[in-house]
Amino acid sequence: EIKHGRISMLAILGHLVTTAGARLPGNIDFQGTAFSDIPTGLAAFSKIPLAGTLQIIFFIGALELGFLQVQDQIEEDCEARMDSQGWSAAKKDSKRAIELNNG
């Protein structure tokens, strides 16, 4: 939940930045399509070459698979940090609820 909420926040930020006109310099492909030629929002998918769209999808998939492999370690690290701070079970539950409710 938290991870996907953070990703959604980054997606909105990216949309706002590109809508404001910020673009990478150079071309997105070897045919000469400039980053500035790509529209914002969902309309971008009509201009991005299929190979580029597939690269995005596979990259996100690789990130998700990598995260799945270390997810338990991340949770254990968080738990250990809370324990090292001397947090009670009630305080841990309270902090988790705050994070889930407010992002």
N, C-alpha and C. Protein backbone atom coordinates (compact mmCIF):
# COMPACT_ATOMS: atom_id res chain seq x y z
N GLU A 1 0.81 -1.19 0.00
CA GLU A 1 0.00 0.00 0.00
C GLU A 1 0.86 1.26 0.00
N ILE A 2 1.79 1.30 0.92
CA ILE A 2 2.60 2.51 1.05
C ILE A 2 3.43 2.73 -0.20
N LYS A 3 4.05 1.65 -0.69
CA LYS A 3 4.89 1.76 -1.88
C LYS A 3 4.09 2.28 -3.07
N HIS A 4 2.91 1.73 -3.29
CA HIS A 4 2.11 2.15 -4.43
C HIS A 4 1.59 3.58 -4.26
N GLY A 5 1.33 3.98 -3.04
CA GLY A 5 0.96 5.37 -2.79
C GLY A 5 2.09 6.31 -3.14
N ARG A 6 3.31 5.93 -2.77
CA ARG A 6 4.48 6.76 -3.10
C ARG A 6 4.70 6.83 -4.61
N ILE A 7 4.53 5.71 -5.30
CA ILE A 7 4.68 5.69 -6.76
C ILE A 7 3.63 6.60 -7.40
N SER A 8 2.41 6.57 -6.89
CA SER A 8 1.35 7.44 -7.42
C SER A 8 1.71 8.91 -7.23
N MET A 9 2.29 9.24 -6.08
CA MET A 9 2.71 10.62 -5.83
C MET A 9 3.78 11.04 -6.83
N LEU A 10 4.73 10.16 -7.11
CA LEU A 10 5.78 10.47 -8.08
C LEU A 10 5.20 10.62 -9.49
N ALA A 11 4.21 9.80 -9.83
CA ALA A 11 3.59 9.89 -11.15
C ALA A 11 2.90 11.24 -11.33
N ILE A 12 2.19 11.68 -10.32
CA ILE A 12 1.52 12.99 -10.40
C ILE A 12 2.55 14.11 -10.51
N LEU A 13 3.62 14.00 -9.73
CA LEU A 13 4.68 15.01 -9.80
C LEU A 13 5.29 15.05 -11.20
N GLY A 14 5.56 13.89 -11.77
CA GLY A 14 6.10 13.83 -13.13
C GLY A 14 5.16 14.44 -14.15
N HIS A 15 3.88 14.17 -14.00
CA HIS A 15 2.89 14.75 -14.92
C HIS A 15 2.88 16.27 -14.80
N LEU A 16 2.89 16.79 -13.58
CA LEU A 16 2.88 18.24 -13.38
C LEU A 16 4.13 18.90 -13.95
N VAL A 17 5.28 18.26 -13.76
CA VAL A 17 6.54 18.82 -14.24
C VAL A 17 6.56 18.86 -15.77
N THR A 18 6.14 17.76 -16.42
CA THR A 18 6.14 17.76 -17.89
C THR A 18 5.07 18.69 -18.45
N THR A 19 3.93 18.80 -17.79
CA THR A 19 2.90 19.73 -18.24
C THR A 19 3.39 21.17 -18.13
N ALA A 20 4.24 21.44 -17.14
CA ALA A 20 4.82 22.77 -16.98
C ALA A 20 5.89 23.06 -18.04
N GLY A 21 6.29 22.04 -18.80
CA GLY A 21 7.22 22.26 -19.90
C GLY A 21 8.61 21.71 -19.71
N ALA A 22 8.91 21.11 -18.59
CA ALA A 22 10.25 20.55 -18.37
C ALA A 22 10.38 19.24 -19.16
N ARG A 23 11.40 19.15 -19.98
CA ARG A 23 11.64 17.96 -20.79
C ARG A 23 13.13 17.65 -20.82
N LEU A 24 13.44 16.39 -21.05
CA LEU A 24 14.83 16.00 -21.22
C LEU A 24 15.33 16.51 -22.56
N PRO A 25 16.61 16.85 -22.65
CA PRO A 25 17.15 17.25 -23.95
C PRO A 25 17.38 16.02 -24.82
N GLY A 26 17.45 16.21 -26.10
CA GLY A 26 17.80 15.13 -27.01
C GLY A 26 16.59 14.38 -27.55
N ASN A 27 16.89 13.23 -28.14
CA ASN A 27 15.88 12.42 -28.80
C ASN A 27 15.54 11.18 -27.99
N ILE A 28 14.30 10.72 -28.15
CA ILE A 28 13.85 9.53 -27.45
C ILE A 28 14.15 8.26 -28.26
N ASP A 29 14.37 8.42 -29.56
CA ASP A 29 14.67 7.27 -30.42
C ASP A 29 15.66 7.66 -31.50
N PHE A 30 16.03 6.69 -32.34
CA PHE A 30 17.01 6.94 -33.40
C PHE A 30 16.37 7.56 -34.63
N GLN A 31 15.05 7.67 -34.68
CA GLN A 31 14.37 8.30 -35.80
C GLN A 31 14.30 9.82 -35.65
N GLY A 32 14.77 10.35 -34.55
CA GLY A 32 14.82 11.79 -34.35
C GLY A 32 13.65 12.38 -33.60
N THR A 33 12.84 11.56 -32.96
CA THR A 33 11.73 12.07 -32.14
C THR A 33 12.31 12.68 -30.87
N ALA A 34 12.11 13.97 -30.70
CA ALA A 34 12.65 14.65 -29.52
C ALA A 34 11.73 14.43 -28.32
N PHE A 35 12.31 14.46 -27.13
CA PHE A 35 11.50 14.35 -25.92
C PHE A 35 10.44 15.46 -25.88
N SER A 36 10.79 16.63 -26.41
CA SER A 36 9.84 17.75 -26.40
C SER A 36 8.67 17.52 -27.34
N ASP A 37 8.77 16.56 -28.26
CA ASP A 37 7.67 16.23 -29.18
C ASP A 37 6.64 15.31 -28.55
N ILE A 38 6.95 14.73 -27.40
CA ILE A 38 6.06 13.78 -26.74
C ILE A 38 5.04 14.57 -25.91
N PRO A 39 3.74 14.34 -26.13
CA PRO A 39 2.73 15.06 -25.33
C PRO A 39 2.70 14.55 -23.89
N THR A 40 1.99 15.26 -23.05
CA THR A 40 1.88 14.85 -21.65
C THR A 40 0.71 13.90 -21.46
N GLY A 41 0.68 13.25 -20.31
CA GLY A 41 -0.44 12.37 -19.97
C GLY A 41 -0.47 11.10 -20.79
N LEU A 42 -1.65 10.52 -20.90
CA LEU A 42 -1.82 9.26 -21.62
C LEU A 42 -1.57 9.40 -23.11
N ALA A 43 -1.66 10.62 -23.64
CA ALA A 43 -1.39 10.84 -25.05
C ALA A 43 0.06 10.50 -25.41
N ALA A 44 0.93 10.47 -24.42
CA ALA A 44 2.33 10.14 -24.67
C ALA A 44 2.50 8.74 -25.24
N PHE A 45 1.62 7.82 -24.84
CA PHE A 45 1.76 6.45 -25.32
C PHE A 45 1.57 6.33 -26.82
N SER A 46 0.86 7.27 -27.43
CA SER A 46 0.68 7.22 -28.88
C SER A 46 1.93 7.67 -29.62
N LYS A 47 2.82 8.38 -28.96
CA LYS A 47 4.04 8.89 -29.59
C LYS A 47 5.30 8.10 -29.23
N ILE A 48 5.27 7.39 -28.11
CA ILE A 48 6.44 6.61 -27.72
C ILE A 48 6.48 5.34 -28.57
N PRO A 49 7.62 5.03 -29.16
CA PRO A 49 7.72 3.80 -29.97
C PRO A 49 7.40 2.56 -29.12
N LEU A 50 6.90 1.51 -29.77
CA LEU A 50 6.53 0.29 -29.07
C LEU A 50 7.70 -0.26 -28.26
N ALA A 51 8.90 -0.22 -28.83
CA ALA A 51 10.07 -0.73 -28.11
C ALA A 51 10.29 0.05 -26.82
N GLY A 52 10.04 1.35 -26.84
CA GLY A 52 10.19 2.16 -25.64
C GLY A 52 9.15 1.82 -24.58
N THR A 53 7.92 1.60 -25.02
CA THR A 53 6.86 1.21 -24.09
C THR A 53 7.18 -0.14 -23.46
N LEU A 54 7.66 -1.07 -24.26
CA LEU A 54 8.03 -2.38 -23.73
C LEU A 54 9.19 -2.27 -22.74
N GLN A 55 10.15 -1.41 -23.03
CA GLN A 55 11.26 -1.20 -22.10
C GLN A 55 10.76 -0.69 -20.75
N ILE A 56 9.81 0.23 -20.79
CA ILE A 56 9.24 0.77 -19.55
C ILE A 56 8.56 -0.33 -18.75
N ILE A 57 7.74 -1.14 -19.44
CA ILE A 57 7.00 -2.21 -18.77
C ILE A 57 7.96 -3.24 -18.17
N PHE A 58 8.97 -3.65 -18.94
CA PHE A 58 9.92 -4.65 -18.43
C PHE A 58 10.76 -4.09 -17.29
N PHE A 59 11.11 -2.81 -17.35
CA PHE A 59 11.89 -2.20 -16.27
C PHE A 59 11.09 -2.17 -14.97
N ILE A 60 9.82 -1.78 -15.07
CA ILE A 60 8.96 -1.77 -13.88
C ILE A 60 8.81 -3.18 -13.33
N GLY A 61 8.64 -4.17 -14.23
CA GLY A 61 8.54 -5.56 -13.79
C GLY A 61 9.79 -6.03 -13.08
N ALA A 62 10.96 -5.65 -13.61
CA ALA A 62 12.22 -6.03 -12.97
C ALA A 62 12.34 -5.40 -11.58
N LEU A 63 11.93 -4.14 -11.47
CA LEU A 63 11.95 -3.49 -10.15
C LEU A 63 11.05 -4.20 -9.16
N GLU A 64 9.85 -4.57 -9.61
CA GLU A 64 8.91 -5.28 -8.73
C GLU A 64 9.47 -6.63 -8.29
N LEU A 65 10.06 -7.37 -9.23
CA LEU A 65 10.65 -8.67 -8.87
C LEU A 65 11.80 -8.50 -7.89
N GLY A 66 12.63 -7.49 -8.12
CA GLY A 66 13.73 -7.23 -7.20
C GLY A 66 13.24 -6.85 -5.82
N PHE A 67 12.18 -6.06 -5.77
CA PHE A 67 11.62 -5.65 -4.48
C PHE A 67 11.05 -6.85 -3.74
N LEU A 68 10.40 -7.76 -4.46
CA LEU A 68 9.83 -8.94 -3.82
C LEU A 68 10.90 -9.78 -3.14
N GLN A 69 12.11 -9.80 -3.72
CA GLN A 69 13.20 -10.61 -3.17
C GLN A 69 13.74 -10.04 -1.86
N VAL A 70 13.61 -8.74 -1.66
CA VAL A 70 14.18 -8.12 -0.45
C VAL A 70 13.11 -7.56 0.48
N GLN A 71 11.85 -7.78 0.16
CA GLN A 71 10.77 -7.20 0.96
C GLN A 71 10.83 -7.64 2.42
N ASP A 72 11.07 -8.91 2.66
CA ASP A 72 11.14 -9.39 4.05
C ASP A 72 12.31 -8.75 4.80
N GLN A 73 13.44 -8.57 4.11
CA GLN A 73 14.60 -7.95 4.75
C GLN A 73 14.30 -6.49 5.11
N ILE A 74 13.60 -5.80 4.23
CA ILE A 74 13.24 -4.40 4.50
C ILE A 74 12.35 -4.32 5.72
N GLU A 75 11.35 -5.20 5.79
CA GLU A 75 10.44 -5.20 6.93
C GLU A 75 11.18 -5.53 8.23
N GLU A 76 12.13 -6.48 8.16
CA GLU A 76 12.91 -6.82 9.35
C GLU A 76 13.78 -5.64 9.79
N ASP A 77 14.38 -4.93 8.82
CA ASP A 77 15.19 -3.75 9.15
C ASP A 77 14.36 -2.68 9.84
N CYS A 78 13.17 -2.44 9.32
CA CYS A 78 12.28 -1.44 9.94
C CYS A 78 11.91 -1.85 11.36
N GLU A 79 11.60 -3.13 11.52
CA GLU A 79 11.24 -3.63 12.86
C GLU A 79 12.43 -3.48 13.82
N ALA A 80 13.64 -3.81 13.33
CA ALA A 80 14.84 -3.70 14.18
C ALA A 80 15.11 -2.25 14.58
N ARG A 81 14.89 -1.32 13.65
CA ARG A 81 15.10 0.10 13.97
C ARG A 81 14.12 0.57 15.04
N MET A 82 12.87 0.13 14.91
CA MET A 82 11.88 0.52 15.92
C MET A 82 12.25 -0.07 17.28
N ASP A 83 12.72 -1.33 17.28
CA ASP A 83 13.12 -1.96 18.53
C ASP A 83 14.32 -1.25 19.15
N SER A 84 15.29 -0.85 18.31
CA SER A 84 16.48 -0.17 18.83
C SER A 84 16.14 1.19 19.43
N GLN A 85 15.04 1.78 19.00
CA GLN A 85 14.58 3.06 19.55
C GLN A 85 13.76 2.87 20.82
N GLY A 86 13.48 1.60 21.16
CA GLY A 86 12.72 1.31 22.36
C GLY A 86 11.22 1.53 22.22
N TRP A 87 10.71 1.44 20.99
CA TRP A 87 9.28 1.66 20.77
C TRP A 87 8.47 0.50 21.31
N SER A 88 7.38 0.81 21.95
CA SER A 88 6.46 -0.23 22.44
C SER A 88 5.61 -0.73 21.27
N ALA A 89 4.95 -1.85 21.49
CA ALA A 89 4.08 -2.41 20.45
C ALA A 89 2.97 -1.42 20.09
N ALA A 90 2.45 -0.72 21.09
CA ALA A 90 1.39 0.26 20.84
C ALA A 90 1.90 1.42 19.98
N LYS A 91 3.13 1.87 20.25
CA LYS A 91 3.68 2.97 19.46
C LYS A 91 3.94 2.53 18.03
N LYS A 92 4.44 1.29 17.84
CA LYS A 92 4.66 0.76 16.50
C LYS A 92 3.35 0.72 15.72
N ASP A 93 2.30 0.21 16.37
CA ASP A 93 1.00 0.13 15.71
C ASP A 93 0.47 1.52 15.36
N SER A 94 0.68 2.46 16.27
CA SER A 94 0.23 3.83 16.03
C SER A 94 0.95 4.44 14.83
N LYS A 95 2.27 4.27 14.77
CA LYS A 95 3.06 4.82 13.66
C LYS A 95 2.68 4.18 12.33
N ARG A 96 2.44 2.87 12.34
CA ARG A 96 2.01 2.18 11.11
C ARG A 96 0.67 2.73 10.63
N ALA A 97 -0.26 2.92 11.57
CA ALA A 97 -1.58 3.45 11.22
C ALA A 97 -1.48 4.86 10.65
N ILE A 98 -0.62 5.68 11.24
CA ILE A 98 -0.43 7.04 10.74
C ILE A 98 0.11 6.99 9.32
N GLU A 99 1.09 6.15 9.07
CA GLU A 99 1.69 6.04 7.74
C GLU A 99 0.68 5.56 6.71
N LEU A 100 -0.11 4.56 7.05
CA LEU A 100 -1.11 4.04 6.12
C LEU A 100 -2.22 5.05 5.86
N ASN A 101 -2.63 5.78 6.87
CA ASN A 101 -3.73 6.72 6.71
C ASN A 101 -3.33 8.02 6.02
N ASN A 102 -2.10 8.45 6.24
CA ASN A 102 -1.69 9.75 5.72
C ASN A 102 -0.63 9.69 4.63
N GLY A 103 -0.03 8.53 4.43
CA GLY A 103 1.00 8.40 3.41
C GLY A 103 2.20 9.17 3.79
